[in-house]
């Protein structure tokens, strides 16, 4: 794994839930637009269609903030069965906005060049 990927993964929010519902039911809730709309409205998504999908296992959506600076992110839902017949739902939410990567680092010691002020 290279360093940019490691830094990106460290910044991602990762949540994991154990659900009593079977994986097929959870998959329908996250992948069928009519069901998904009740808990993740199209207005919260940059596009209603997923970026990528592995049927029954993983679906990824692109999101955009509705307030400035309108940052973009991706949210990935991963579904797998648990030993009790239920589901483990893993949600990974990470910023992918290009504007964040282009900002130069700011020195912590205020080591900026001195500027003269006009009198």
Protein backbone atom coordinates (compact mmCIF):
# COMPACT_ATOMS: atom_id res chain seq x y z
CA UNK A 1 0.00 0.00 0.00
CA UNK A 2 1.41 3.38 -0.89
CA UNK A 3 1.28 6.38 1.44
CA UNK A 4 -1.51 8.44 -0.22
CA UNK A 5 -3.88 5.48 0.13
CA UNK A 6 -2.93 5.02 3.78
CA UNK A 7 -3.53 8.72 4.49
CA UNK A 8 -6.90 8.58 2.73
CA UNK A 9 -8.00 5.52 4.68
CA UNK A 10 -6.99 7.14 7.96
CA UNK A 11 -9.24 10.13 7.18
CA UNK A 12 -12.26 7.98 6.28
CA UNK A 13 -15.10 7.49 8.74
CA UNK A 14 -15.83 3.78 9.18
CA UNK A 15 -18.92 2.41 10.92
CA UNK A 16 -19.86 -1.22 11.36
CA UNK A 17 -23.28 -2.46 12.46
CA UNK A 18 -24.71 -5.91 13.21
CA UNK A 19 -28.30 -6.16 11.97
CA UNK A 20 -30.89 -8.87 12.59
CA UNK A 21 -32.17 -8.73 8.99
CA UNK A 22 -30.79 -11.17 6.40
CA UNK A 23 -28.18 -9.82 3.93
CA UNK A 24 -30.63 -9.97 0.99
CA UNK A 25 -33.05 -7.62 2.76
CA UNK A 26 -30.29 -5.16 3.73
CA UNK A 27 -28.95 -5.25 0.16
CA UNK A 28 -32.38 -4.31 -1.23
CA UNK A 29 -32.61 -1.41 1.25
CA UNK A 30 -29.31 0.10 0.10
CA UNK A 31 -29.42 -0.69 -3.63
CA UNK A 32 -33.04 -0.23 -4.81
CA UNK A 33 -33.69 3.52 -5.27
CA UNK A 34 -37.30 3.40 -4.00
CA UNK A 35 -36.20 1.81 -0.70
CA UNK A 36 -32.98 3.82 -0.37
CA UNK A 37 -34.86 7.10 -0.88
CA UNK A 38 -36.58 6.72 2.54
CA UNK A 39 -33.33 6.93 4.50
CA UNK A 40 -30.82 8.38 1.97
CA UNK A 41 -32.68 10.89 -0.24
CA UNK A 42 -31.53 11.63 -3.79
CA UNK A 43 -31.07 15.26 -2.69
CA UNK A 44 -28.12 14.19 -0.51
CA UNK A 45 -26.47 12.41 -3.42
CA UNK A 46 -24.50 14.08 -6.22
CA UNK A 47 -25.94 11.41 -8.54
CA UNK A 48 -28.79 8.98 -7.85
CA UNK A 49 -26.97 6.17 -9.64
CA UNK A 50 -24.14 4.39 -7.80
CA UNK A 51 -20.51 4.92 -8.83
CA UNK A 52 -19.83 1.20 -8.55
CA UNK A 53 -21.63 -1.88 -7.39
CA UNK A 54 -20.79 -5.51 -6.65
CA UNK A 55 -24.27 -7.09 -6.40
CA UNK A 56 -25.03 -8.42 -2.96
CA UNK A 57 -21.72 -7.22 -1.51
CA UNK A 58 -20.93 -3.52 -2.00
CA UNK A 59 -22.40 -0.32 -3.45
CA UNK A 60 -20.74 3.12 -3.62
CA UNK A 61 -22.46 6.50 -4.04
CA UNK A 62 -21.08 9.98 -4.63
CA UNK A 63 -22.36 12.68 -2.28
CA UNK A 64 -22.12 16.49 -2.30
CA UNK A 65 -22.71 18.90 0.59
CA UNK A 66 -25.73 21.16 0.16
CA UNK A 67 -23.91 24.12 1.78
CA UNK A 68 -20.71 25.93 0.77
CA UNK A 69 -17.99 24.90 0.06
CA UNK A 70 -20.03 22.00 -1.49
CA UNK A 71 -17.42 19.32 -0.78
CA UNK A 72 -17.73 15.95 -2.49
CA UNK A 73 -17.37 12.58 -0.81
CA UNK A 74 -18.09 8.91 -1.38
CA UNK A 75 -20.03 6.57 0.84
CA UNK A 76 -19.55 2.82 0.48
CA UNK A 77 -21.96 0.25 1.90
CA UNK A 78 -20.55 -3.25 2.36
CA UNK A 79 -22.86 -6.16 3.23
CA UNK A 80 -21.81 -9.56 4.52
CA UNK A 81 -23.58 -12.27 6.51
CA UNK A 82 -22.80 -12.89 10.17
CA UNK A 83 -22.82 -16.25 11.98
CA UNK A 84 -26.36 -15.74 13.40
CA UNK A 85 -28.02 -15.36 9.99
CA UNK A 86 -28.07 -11.58 10.24
CA UNK A 87 -25.97 -8.98 8.48
CA UNK A 88 -22.82 -7.00 9.12
CA UNK A 89 -23.21 -3.61 7.44
CA UNK A 90 -19.98 -1.63 7.06
CA UNK A 91 -20.23 2.03 6.00
CA UNK A 92 -17.12 3.89 4.81
CA UNK A 93 -17.49 7.64 4.22
CA UNK A 94 -14.54 9.60 2.90
CA UNK A 95 -13.82 13.01 1.38
CA UNK A 96 -12.63 12.85 -2.21
CA UNK A 97 -12.93 16.50 -3.18
CA UNK A 98 -9.97 17.53 -5.37
CA UNK A 99 -9.88 21.01 -3.85
CA UNK A 100 -8.68 19.58 -0.54
CA UNK A 101 -5.64 17.90 -2.11
CA UNK A 102 -4.45 21.06 -3.89
CA UNK A 103 -4.07 23.25 -0.79
CA UNK A 104 -0.45 23.79 0.24
CA UNK A 105 0.40 22.99 3.85
CA UNK A 106 0.54 25.95 6.20
CA UNK A 107 3.57 26.19 8.45
CA UNK A 108 2.75 25.77 12.13
CA UNK A 109 5.53 28.18 13.17
CA UNK A 110 4.28 31.12 11.10
CA UNK A 111 7.35 30.89 8.91
CA UNK A 112 5.86 32.94 6.09
CA UNK A 113 8.02 35.49 4.27
CA UNK A 114 8.05 38.94 5.86
CA UNK A 115 6.07 41.59 4.01
CA UNK A 116 6.60 45.32 4.27
CA UNK A 117 3.55 47.48 4.88
CA UNK A 118 3.07 50.73 3.03
CA UNK A 119 3.19 53.76 5.31
